[in-house]
Amino acid sequence: MSEFRYPRISLARYPNRITQIMQSPLHSLLRPVSHFYIDSIPELLLQLQKVSSPKQLTKLVNKLQSRIWYLPSEEQAIARKQLTDALIQVVEHTQQSSSRLEAAGWLRMFVQAAYVSQPEQVFVTIVTAATQASTEANNSSPNEQHAYLKMIFDCFWPFRYPYATYTWEQFPSNEVFYPLAPLLSQGDDYTQDTLVAIFAELPSLDDAEIGEYLLPVALDWSTHANPERRQRITTILALMSSISAQETLSRLQADPDPLVRHRAKRAAEKVRRA
């Protein structure tokens, strides 16, 4: 239900002062009626589950945000949790891809703004959306999947020094990212590049569910003609304790390219300090 709007009464024949005198009591009279027609937070959350377009979704989220803003802090936390849950439902169940992407974009923003107390739930939602997009046989799926992968990477931002707003205790577990690993051997170059960037954010990469797919890619990149790829893969290799990964990292410390050598040495030193 849309908000009540005051009608503008035209009194062009009268002086402005008379207009103000007459409009002021009218506005005072209508203000309680206007307030009555403002949708409540539960009503807006219910409407959010029935959105039919990204524009409608954004309008509802903005309305909810304005309602939540004026709540006491404890009630704000509860309402934001409800809004987060509602957006997750949209991502998981809405058939329209554009609305799913819009909802996921809001979830990313909430994580970056530290509105979400348990960010792992958002990671799980977007990871699931990315893997489901890879199995859908339609032309929009690759672009949709690329968007989700980029969102996952963006969600690591509030964990990074010096602007960290979450603690490492709130960092999602490696298990959350297991479903992404098979995409390394199925996706295009953009997908593979983004997945490497995502896995480089994890604290370790010794999980067999990840290493099975990531190690072959890392070994391949370590001999790639493009030195930028050899540089980037040093972080991945340093996070893997397998013999082949560590031997490859050692080899890259003597790479012909000085930037590759520098990155490989820094990655090895970081592992030794840890």
C-alpha atoms as a PDB file:
ATOM      1  CA  MET A   1       0.000   0.000   0.000  1.00  0.00           C
ATOM      2  CA  SER A   2       1.473   3.309  -1.011  1.00  0.00           C
ATOM      3  CA  GLU A   3       1.979   6.156   1.414  1.00  0.00           C
ATOM      4  CA  PHE A   4      -0.737   8.803   1.696  1.00  0.00           C
ATOM      5  CA  ARG A   5       0.138  12.029  -0.091  1.00  0.00           C
ATOM      6  CA  TYR A   6      -1.252  15.397   0.883  1.00  0.00           C
ATOM      7  CA  PRO A   7      -3.234  17.107  -1.865  1.00  0.00           C
ATOM      8  CA  ARG A   8      -1.878  20.528  -2.805  1.00  0.00           C
ATOM      9  CA  ILE A   9      -4.801  22.971  -2.599  1.00  0.00           C
ATOM     10  CA  SER A  10      -4.619  25.742  -5.173  1.00  0.00           C
ATOM     11  CA  LEU A  11      -5.541  29.168  -3.778  1.00  0.00           C
ATOM     12  CA  ALA A  12      -3.881  31.282  -6.416  1.00  0.00           C
ATOM     13  CA  ARG A  13      -6.366  34.159  -6.028  1.00  0.00           C
ATOM     14  CA  TYR A  14      -5.522  34.680  -2.373  1.00  0.00           C
ATOM     15  CA  PRO A  15      -2.374  36.052  -0.792  1.00  0.00           C
ATOM     16  CA  ASN A  16       0.310  33.556   0.237  1.00  0.00           C
ATOM     17  CA  ARG A  17      -0.289  34.299   3.900  1.00  0.00           C
ATOM     18  CA  ILE A  18      -3.936  33.231   3.662  1.00  0.00           C
ATOM     19  CA  THR A  19      -2.824  30.053   1.839  1.00  0.00           C
ATOM     20  CA  GLN A  20      -0.400  29.157   4.616  1.00  0.00           C
ATOM     21  CA  ILE A  21      -3.013  29.800   7.312  1.00  0.00           C
ATOM     22  CA  MET A  22      -5.534  27.502   5.650  1.00  0.00           C
ATOM     23  CA  GLN A  23      -3.100  24.731   4.688  1.00  0.00           C
ATOM     24  CA  SER A  24      -1.482  24.471   8.107  1.00  0.00           C
ATOM     25  CA  PRO A  25      -4.614  23.256   9.964  1.00  0.00           C
ATOM     26  CA  LEU A  26      -5.376  20.923   7.059  1.00  0.00           C
ATOM     27  CA  HIS A  27      -1.939  19.311   7.282  1.00  0.00           C
ATOM     28  CA  SER A  28      -2.325  18.935  11.048  1.00  0.00           C
ATOM     29  CA  LEU A  29      -5.672  17.256  10.539  1.00  0.00           C
ATOM     30  CA  LEU A  30      -4.359  14.838   7.901  1.00  0.00           C
ATOM     31  CA  ARG A  31      -1.113  13.888   9.644  1.00  0.00           C
ATOM     32  CA  PRO A  32      -2.671  11.144  11.843  1.00  0.00           C
ATOM     33  CA  VAL A  33      -4.489   9.768   8.788  1.00  0.00           C
ATOM     34  CA  SER A  34      -1.200   9.730   6.867  1.00  0.00           C
ATOM     35  CA  HIS A  35       0.499   7.851   9.687  1.00  0.00           C
ATOM     36  CA  PHE A  36      -2.300   5.273   9.678  1.00  0.00           C
ATOM     37  CA  TYR A  37      -1.579   4.368   6.058  1.00  0.00           C
ATOM     38  CA  ILE A  38       2.163   3.825   6.514  1.00  0.00           C
ATOM     39  CA  ASP A  39       2.960   0.119   6.082  1.00  0.00           C
ATOM     40  CA  SER A  40       4.414  -1.619   9.117  1.00  0.00           C
ATOM     41  CA  ILE A  41       7.703  -3.534   9.016  1.00  0.00           C
ATOM     42  CA  PRO A  42       5.959  -6.962   9.025  1.00  0.00           C
ATOM     43  CA  GLU A  43       3.723  -5.825   6.143  1.00  0.00           C
ATOM     44  CA  LEU A  44       6.719  -4.629   4.119  1.00  0.00           C
ATOM     45  CA  LEU A  45       8.589  -7.878   4.793  1.00  0.00           C
ATOM     46  CA  LEU A  46       5.588  -9.809   3.518  1.00  0.00           C
ATOM     47  CA  GLN A  47       5.483  -7.662   0.380  1.00  0.00           C
ATOM     48  CA  LEU A  48       9.188  -8.346  -0.134  1.00  0.00           C
ATOM     49  CA  GLN A  49       8.446 -12.040  -0.574  1.00  0.00           C
ATOM     50  CA  LYS A  50       6.153 -11.239  -3.502  1.00  0.00           C
ATOM     51  CA  VAL A  51       8.303  -8.831  -5.505  1.00  0.00           C
ATOM     52  CA  SER A  52       8.029  -8.993  -9.278  1.00  0.00           C
ATOM     53  CA  SER A  53      10.918  -6.709 -10.286  1.00  0.00           C
ATOM     54  CA  PRO A  54      14.289  -5.434  -9.002  1.00  0.00           C
ATOM     55  CA  LYS A  55      12.856  -1.899  -8.873  1.00  0.00           C
ATOM     56  CA  GLN A  56      10.031  -2.997  -6.601  1.00  0.00           C
ATOM     57  CA  LEU A  57      12.461  -4.897  -4.386  1.00  0.00           C
ATOM     58  CA  THR A  58      14.761  -1.899  -3.996  1.00  0.00           C
ATOM     59  CA  LYS A  59      11.823   0.372  -3.191  1.00  0.00           C
ATOM     60  CA  LEU A  60      10.664  -1.992  -0.438  1.00  0.00           C
ATOM     61  CA  VAL A  61      14.149  -2.393   1.021  1.00  0.00           C
ATOM     62  CA  ASN A  62      14.583   1.380   1.128  1.00  0.00           C
ATOM     63  CA  LYS A  63      11.236   1.728   2.908  1.00  0.00           C
ATOM     64  CA  LEU A  64      12.232  -0.927   5.411  1.00  0.00           C
ATOM     65  CA  GLN A  65      15.570   0.740   6.016  1.00  0.00           C
ATOM     66  CA  SER A  66      13.856   4.050   6.745  1.00  0.00           C
ATOM     67  CA  ARG A  67      11.491   2.343   9.230  1.00  0.00           C
ATOM     68  CA  ILE A  68      14.317   0.445  10.919  1.00  0.00           C
ATOM     69  CA  TRP A  69      16.448   3.576  11.266  1.00  0.00           C
ATOM     70  CA  TYR A  70      14.132   5.055  13.910  1.00  0.00           C
ATOM     71  CA  LEU A  71      13.888   1.917  16.050  1.00  0.00           C
ATOM     72  CA  PRO A  72      15.838   1.456  19.312  1.00  0.00           C
ATOM     73  CA  SER A  73      19.177  -0.313  18.775  1.00  0.00           C
ATOM     74  CA  GLU A  74      17.995  -3.715  20.028  1.00  0.00           C
ATOM     75  CA  GLU A  75      14.927  -3.606  17.819  1.00  0.00           C
ATOM     76  CA  GLN A  76      17.077  -2.490  14.885  1.00  0.00           C
ATOM     77  CA  ALA A  77      19.180  -5.640  15.181  1.00  0.00           C
ATOM     78  CA  ILE A  78      16.072  -7.831  15.180  1.00  0.00           C
ATOM     79  CA  ALA A  79      14.516  -6.013  12.224  1.00  0.00           C
ATOM     80  CA  ARG A  80      17.750  -6.176  10.203  1.00  0.00           C
ATOM     81  CA  LYS A  81      17.932  -9.909  10.854  1.00  0.00           C
ATOM     82  CA  GLN A  82      14.364 -10.232   9.570  1.00  0.00           C
ATOM     83  CA  LEU A  83      15.199  -8.165   6.498  1.00  0.00           C
ATOM     84  CA  THR A  84      18.302 -10.272   5.836  1.00  0.00           C
ATOM     85  CA  ASP A  85      16.266 -13.474   6.135  1.00  0.00           C
ATOM     86  CA  ALA A  86      13.648 -12.077   3.744  1.00  0.00           C
ATOM     87  CA  LEU A  87      16.307 -11.211   1.150  1.00  0.00           C
ATOM     88  CA  ILE A  88      17.798 -14.677   1.485  1.00  0.00           C
ATOM     89  CA  GLN A  89      14.356 -16.127   0.748  1.00  0.00           C
ATOM     90  CA  VAL A  90      14.174 -14.011  -2.404  1.00  0.00           C
ATOM     91  CA  VAL A  91      17.573 -15.258  -3.595  1.00  0.00           C
ATOM     92  CA  GLU A  92      16.641 -18.863  -2.885  1.00  0.00           C
ATOM     93  CA  HIS A  93      13.097 -18.983  -4.224  1.00  0.00           C
ATOM     94  CA  THR A  94      12.354 -16.174  -6.696  1.00  0.00           C
ATOM     95  CA  GLN A  95      12.199 -17.363 -10.290  1.00  0.00           C
ATOM     96  CA  GLN A  96      13.245 -14.041 -11.836  1.00  0.00           C
ATOM     97  CA  SER A  97      17.043 -13.861 -12.100  1.00  0.00           C
ATOM     98  CA  SER A  98      17.157 -10.049 -12.021  1.00  0.00           C
ATOM     99  CA  SER A  99      15.297  -9.985  -8.686  1.00  0.00           C
ATOM    100  CA  ARG A 100      17.581 -12.686  -7.293  1.00  0.00           C
ATOM    101  CA  LEU A 101      20.622 -10.641  -8.256  1.00  0.00           C
ATOM    102  CA  GLU A 102      19.150  -7.476  -6.754  1.00  0.00           C
ATOM    103  CA  ALA A 103      18.454  -9.257  -3.462  1.00  0.00           C
ATOM    104  CA  ALA A 104      21.952 -10.760  -3.414  1.00  0.00           C
ATOM    105  CA  GLY A 105      23.396  -7.308  -4.053  1.00  0.00           C
ATOM    106  CA  TRP A 106      21.609  -5.979  -0.985  1.00  0.00           C
ATOM    107  CA  LEU A 107      22.946  -8.903   1.074  1.00  0.00           C
ATOM    108  CA  ARG A 108      26.476  -8.047  -0.068  1.00  0.00           C
ATOM    109  CA  MET A 109      25.968  -4.429   0.978  1.00  0.00           C
ATOM    110  CA  PHE A 110      24.644  -5.491   4.386  1.00  0.00           C
ATOM    111  CA  VAL A 111      27.754  -7.620   4.971  1.00  0.00           C
ATOM    112  CA  GLN A 112      30.048  -4.797   3.879  1.00  0.00           C
ATOM    113  CA  ALA A 113      28.227  -2.427   6.241  1.00  0.00           C
ATOM    114  CA  ALA A 114      28.400  -5.034   9.065  1.00  0.00           C
ATOM    115  CA  TYR A 115      24.599  -5.053   9.406  1.00  0.00           C
ATOM    116  CA  VAL A 116      24.658  -8.864   9.497  1.00  0.00           C
ATOM    117  CA  SER A 117      25.756 -10.412  12.791  1.00  0.00           C
ATOM    118  CA  GLN A 118      26.493 -13.817  11.208  1.00  0.00           C
ATOM    119  CA  PRO A 119      27.931 -13.161   7.726  1.00  0.00           C
ATOM    120  CA  GLU A 120      28.450 -16.873   7.041  1.00  0.00           C
ATOM    121  CA  GLN A 121      24.733 -17.185   6.301  1.00  0.00           C
ATOM    122  CA  VAL A 122      25.056 -14.662   3.479  1.00  0.00           C
ATOM    123  CA  PHE A 123      28.137 -16.423   2.083  1.00  0.00           C
ATOM    124  CA  VAL A 124      26.235 -19.726   2.062  1.00  0.00           C
ATOM    125  CA  THR A 125      23.313 -18.123   0.244  1.00  0.00           C
ATOM    126  CA  ILE A 126      25.382 -16.529  -2.511  1.00  0.00           C
ATOM    127  CA  VAL A 127      27.638 -19.577  -2.928  1.00  0.00           C
ATOM    128  CA  THR A 128      24.535 -21.723  -3.376  1.00  0.00           C
ATOM    129  CA  ALA A 129      23.113 -19.254  -5.903  1.00  0.00           C
ATOM    130  CA  ALA A 130      26.387 -19.307  -7.868  1.00  0.00           C
ATOM    131  CA  THR A 131      26.489 -23.096  -8.056  1.00  0.00           C
ATOM    132  CA  GLN A 132      22.823 -23.306  -9.044  1.00  0.00           C
ATOM    133  CA  ALA A 133      23.342 -20.725 -11.778  1.00  0.00           C
ATOM    134  CA  SER A 134      26.060 -22.935 -13.257  1.00  0.00           C
ATOM    135  CA  THR A 135      23.597 -25.787 -13.757  1.00  0.00           C
ATOM    136  CA  GLU A 136      20.837 -23.755 -15.404  1.00  0.00           C
ATOM    137  CA  ALA A 137      20.752 -24.094 -19.183  1.00  0.00           C
ATOM    138  CA  ASN A 138      19.932 -20.544 -20.259  1.00  0.00           C
ATOM    139  CA  ASN A 139      21.874 -17.695 -21.779  1.00  0.00           C
ATOM    140  CA  SER A 140      21.729 -15.484 -18.688  1.00  0.00           C
ATOM    141  CA  SER A 141      23.277 -18.047 -16.350  1.00  0.00           C
ATOM    142  CA  PRO A 142      26.964 -17.305 -17.094  1.00  0.00           C
ATOM    143  CA  ASN A 143      26.482 -13.608 -16.412  1.00  0.00           C
ATOM    144  CA  GLU A 144      24.412 -14.362 -13.322  1.00  0.00           C
ATOM    145  CA  GLN A 145      27.067 -16.730 -12.017  1.00  0.00           C
ATOM    146  CA  HIS A 146      29.821 -14.180 -12.674  1.00  0.00           C
ATOM    147  CA  ALA A 147      27.855 -11.607 -10.689  1.00  0.00           C
ATOM    148  CA  TYR A 148      27.441 -13.959  -7.721  1.00  0.00           C
ATOM    149  CA  LEU A 149      31.138 -14.863  -7.707  1.00  0.00           C
ATOM    150  CA  LYS A 150      32.091 -11.185  -7.720  1.00  0.00           C
ATOM    151  CA  MET A 151      29.702 -10.605  -4.795  1.00  0.00           C
ATOM    152  CA  ILE A 152      31.314 -13.428  -2.825  1.00  0.00           C
ATOM    153  CA  PHE A 153      34.729 -11.856  -3.305  1.00  0.00           C
ATOM    154  CA  ASP A 154      33.373  -8.437  -2.314  1.00  0.00           C
ATOM    155  CA  CYS A 155      31.970  -9.879   0.927  1.00  0.00           C
ATOM    156  CA  PHE A 156      35.528 -10.513   2.196  1.00  0.00           C
ATOM    157  CA  TRP A 157      36.173  -6.766   2.337  1.00  0.00           C
ATOM    158  CA  PRO A 158      34.996  -6.185   5.945  1.00  0.00           C
ATOM    159  CA  PHE A 159      37.446  -8.848   7.169  1.00  0.00           C
ATOM    160  CA  ARG A 160      40.500  -7.108   5.723  1.00  0.00           C
ATOM    161  CA  TYR A 161      42.966  -5.004   7.668  1.00  0.00           C
ATOM    162  CA  PRO A 162      42.916  -2.079   8.408  1.00  0.00           C
ATOM    163  CA  TYR A 163      39.173  -1.647   7.876  1.00  0.00           C
ATOM    164  CA  ALA A 164      37.989  -4.913   9.419  1.00  0.00           C
ATOM    165  CA  THR A 165      34.531  -4.685  10.948  1.00  0.00           C
ATOM    166  CA  TYR A 166      34.185  -8.423  11.618  1.00  0.00           C
ATOM    167  CA  THR A 167      36.410 -10.631  13.762  1.00  0.00           C
ATOM    168  CA  TRP A 168      38.125 -13.732  12.408  1.00  0.00           C
ATOM    169  CA  GLU A 169      35.785 -15.778  14.604  1.00  0.00           C
ATOM    170  CA  GLN A 170      33.000 -14.621  12.277  1.00  0.00           C
ATOM    171  CA  PHE A 171      34.884 -15.637   9.134  1.00  0.00           C
ATOM    172  CA  PRO A 172      33.010 -18.385   7.251  1.00  0.00           C
ATOM    173  CA  SER A 173      34.403 -21.899   7.472  1.00  0.00           C
ATOM    174  CA  ASN A 174      36.118 -23.504   4.490  1.00  0.00           C
ATOM    175  CA  GLU A 175      33.193 -25.914   4.137  1.00  0.00           C
ATOM    176  CA  VAL A 176      31.046 -23.013   2.914  1.00  0.00           C
ATOM    177  CA  PHE A 177      33.213 -22.776  -0.221  1.00  0.00           C
ATOM    178  CA  TYR A 178      33.414 -26.497  -1.063  1.00  0.00           C
ATOM    179  CA  PRO A 179      30.627 -26.256  -3.699  1.00  0.00           C
ATOM    180  CA  LEU A 180      32.652 -23.669  -5.623  1.00  0.00           C
ATOM    181  CA  ALA A 181      35.703 -25.888  -6.133  1.00  0.00           C
ATOM    182  CA  PRO A 182      34.267 -28.023  -8.983  1.00  0.00           C
ATOM    183  CA  LEU A 183      33.557 -24.835 -10.941  1.00  0.00           C
ATOM    184  CA  LEU A 184      37.327 -24.438 -11.421  1.00  0.00           C
ATOM    185  CA  SER A 185      37.279 -27.200 -14.019  1.00  0.00           C
ATOM    186  CA  GLN A 186      33.914 -26.269 -15.530  1.00  0.00           C
ATOM    187  CA  GLY A 187      33.961 -22.500 -15.918  1.00  0.00           C
ATOM    188  CA  ASP A 188      35.470 -20.021 -18.337  1.00  0.00           C
ATOM    189  CA  ASP A 189      38.554 -17.855 -17.737  1.00  0.00           C
ATOM    190  CA  TYR A 190      36.613 -15.203 -15.807  1.00  0.00           C
ATOM    191  CA  THR A 191      35.099 -17.830 -13.534  1.00  0.00           C
ATOM    192  CA  GLN A 192      38.478 -19.422 -12.887  1.00  0.00           C
ATOM    193  CA  ASP A 193      40.165 -16.063 -12.212  1.00  0.00           C
ATOM    194  CA  THR A 194      37.469 -15.052  -9.721  1.00  0.00           C
ATOM    195  CA  LEU A 195      37.509 -18.427  -7.973  1.00  0.00           C
ATOM    196  CA  VAL A 196      41.278 -18.211  -7.521  1.00  0.00           C
ATOM    197  CA  ALA A 197      40.785 -14.781  -5.949  1.00  0.00           C
ATOM    198  CA  ILE A 198      38.100 -16.184  -3.630  1.00  0.00           C
ATOM    199  CA  PHE A 199      40.163 -19.165  -2.483  1.00  0.00           C
ATOM    200  CA  ALA A 200      43.155 -16.896  -1.884  1.00  0.00           C
ATOM    201  CA  GLU A 201      41.089 -15.192   0.845  1.00  0.00           C
ATOM    202  CA  LEU A 202      40.751 -18.391   2.901  1.00  0.00           C
ATOM    203  CA  PRO A 203      43.109 -18.987   5.843  1.00  0.00           C
ATOM    204  CA  SER A 204      44.251 -22.406   4.536  1.00  0.00           C
ATOM    205  CA  LEU A 205      43.662 -24.650   1.526  1.00  0.00           C
ATOM    206  CA  ASP A 206      44.469 -28.138   2.787  1.00  0.00           C
ATOM    207  CA  ASP A 207      40.896 -29.392   2.554  1.00  0.00           C
ATOM    208  CA  ALA A 208      40.773 -32.307   0.115  1.00  0.00           C
ATOM    209  CA  GLU A 209      37.412 -31.061  -1.219  1.00  0.00           C
ATOM    210  CA  ILE A 210      39.163 -27.887  -2.396  1.00  0.00           C
ATOM    211  CA  GLY A 211      42.638 -29.200  -3.221  1.00  0.00           C
ATOM    212  CA  GLU A 212      41.334 -31.838  -5.608  1.00  0.00           C
ATOM    213  CA  TYR A 213      40.257 -29.085  -8.001  1.00  0.00           C
ATOM    214  CA  LEU A 214      42.491 -26.185  -7.011  1.00  0.00           C
ATOM    215  CA  LEU A 215      45.916 -27.859  -7.002  1.00  0.00           C
ATOM    216  CA  PRO A 216      45.867 -28.780 -10.739  1.00  0.00           C
ATOM    217  CA  VAL A 217      44.910 -25.191 -11.563  1.00  0.00           C
ATOM    218  CA  ALA A 218      47.673 -23.842  -9.326  1.00  0.00           C
ATOM    219  CA  LEU A 219      50.307 -26.070 -10.931  1.00  0.00           C
ATOM    220  CA  ASP A 220      49.116 -25.049 -14.385  1.00  0.00           C
ATOM    221  CA  TRP A 221      49.240 -21.340 -13.535  1.00  0.00           C
ATOM    222  CA  SER A 222      52.740 -21.720 -12.092  1.00  0.00           C
ATOM    223  CA  THR A 223      54.067 -22.413 -15.603  1.00  0.00           C
ATOM    224  CA  HIS A 224      51.782 -20.007 -17.450  1.00  0.00           C
ATOM    225  CA  ALA A 225      53.385 -17.691 -19.991  1.00  0.00           C
ATOM    226  CA  ASN A 226      51.638 -14.726 -18.363  1.00  0.00           C
ATOM    227  CA  PRO A 227      53.762 -13.640 -15.362  1.00  0.00           C
ATOM    228  CA  GLU A 228      50.712 -12.063 -13.710  1.00  0.00           C
ATOM    229  CA  ARG A 229      49.185 -15.499 -13.310  1.00  0.00           C
ATOM    230  CA  ARG A 230      52.421 -16.865 -11.867  1.00  0.00           C
ATOM    231  CA  GLN A 231      52.419 -13.987  -9.379  1.00  0.00           C
ATOM    232  CA  ARG A 232      48.827 -14.503  -8.312  1.00  0.00           C
ATOM    233  CA  ILE A 233      49.136 -18.233  -7.795  1.00  0.00           C
ATOM    234  CA  THR A 234      51.932 -17.869  -5.242  1.00  0.00           C
ATOM    235  CA  THR A 235      49.366 -17.008  -2.540  1.00  0.00           C
ATOM    236  CA  ILE A 236      47.385 -20.149  -3.331  1.00  0.00           C
ATOM    237  CA  LEU A 237      50.477 -22.359  -3.259  1.00  0.00           C
ATOM    238  CA  ALA A 238      51.564 -20.902   0.076  1.00  0.00           C
ATOM    239  CA  LEU A 239      48.236 -21.882   1.612  1.00  0.00           C
ATOM    240  CA  MET A 240      48.620 -25.509   0.516  1.00  0.00           C
ATOM    241  CA  SER A 241      50.943 -27.791   2.466  1.00  0.00           C
ATOM    242  CA  SER A 242      51.199 -30.573  -0.121  1.00  0.00           C
ATOM    243  CA  ILE A 243      54.693 -31.428  -1.334  1.00  0.00           C
ATOM    244  CA  SER A 244      53.935 -30.524  -4.944  1.00  0.00           C
ATOM    245  CA  ALA A 245      52.548 -27.118  -3.933  1.00  0.00           C
ATOM    246  CA  GLN A 246      55.555 -26.283  -1.757  1.00  0.00           C
ATOM    247  CA  GLU A 247      58.050 -27.467  -4.380  1.00  0.00           C
ATOM    248  CA  THR A 248      56.297 -25.289  -6.968  1.00  0.00           C
ATOM    249  CA  LEU A 249      56.388 -22.283  -4.645  1.00  0.00           C
ATOM    250  CA  SER A 250      60.103 -22.850  -4.108  1.00  0.00           C
ATOM    251  CA  ARG A 251      60.647 -22.984  -7.865  1.00  0.00           C
ATOM    252  CA  LEU A 252      58.798 -19.704  -8.364  1.00  0.00           C
ATOM    253  CA  GLN A 253      61.209 -18.018  -5.941  1.00  0.00           C
ATOM    254  CA  ALA A 254      63.784 -18.444  -8.733  1.00  0.00           C
ATOM    255  CA  ASP A 255      61.406 -17.412 -11.541  1.00  0.00           C
ATOM    256  CA  PRO A 256      62.943 -15.328 -14.379  1.00  0.00           C
ATOM    257  CA  ASP A 257      60.454 -12.540 -13.689  1.00  0.00           C
ATOM    258  CA  PRO A 258      61.543 -10.365 -10.718  1.00  0.00           C
ATOM    259  CA  LEU A 259      57.968  -9.608  -9.644  1.00  0.00           C
ATOM    260  CA  VAL A 260      57.120 -13.299  -9.572  1.00  0.00           C
ATOM    261  CA  ARG A 261      60.233 -14.012  -7.493  1.00  0.00           C
ATOM    262  CA  HIS A 262      59.315 -11.227  -5.069  1.00  0.00           C
ATOM    263  CA  ARG A 263      55.739 -12.425  -4.642  1.00  0.00           C
ATOM    264  CA  ALA A 264      56.822 -16.038  -4.179  1.00  0.00           C
ATOM    265  CA  LYS A 265      59.362 -15.098  -1.493  1.00  0.00           C
ATOM    266  CA  ARG A 266      56.809 -12.955   0.336  1.00  0.00           C
ATOM    267  CA  ALA A 267      54.257 -15.780   0.244  1.00  0.00           C
ATOM    268  CA  ALA A 268      56.813 -18.293   1.567  1.00  0.00           C
ATOM    269  CA  GLU A 269      57.858 -15.931   4.379  1.00  0.00           C
ATOM    270  CA  LYS A 270      54.243 -15.391   5.365  1.00  0.00           C
ATOM    271  CA  VAL A 271      53.768 -19.133   5.712  1.00  0.00           C
ATOM    272  CA  ARG A 272      56.900 -19.486   7.852  1.00  0.00           C
ATOM    273  CA  ARG A 273      55.738 -16.691  10.183  1.00  0.00           C
ATOM    274  CA  ALA A 274      52.336 -18.323  10.538  1.00  0.00           C
END
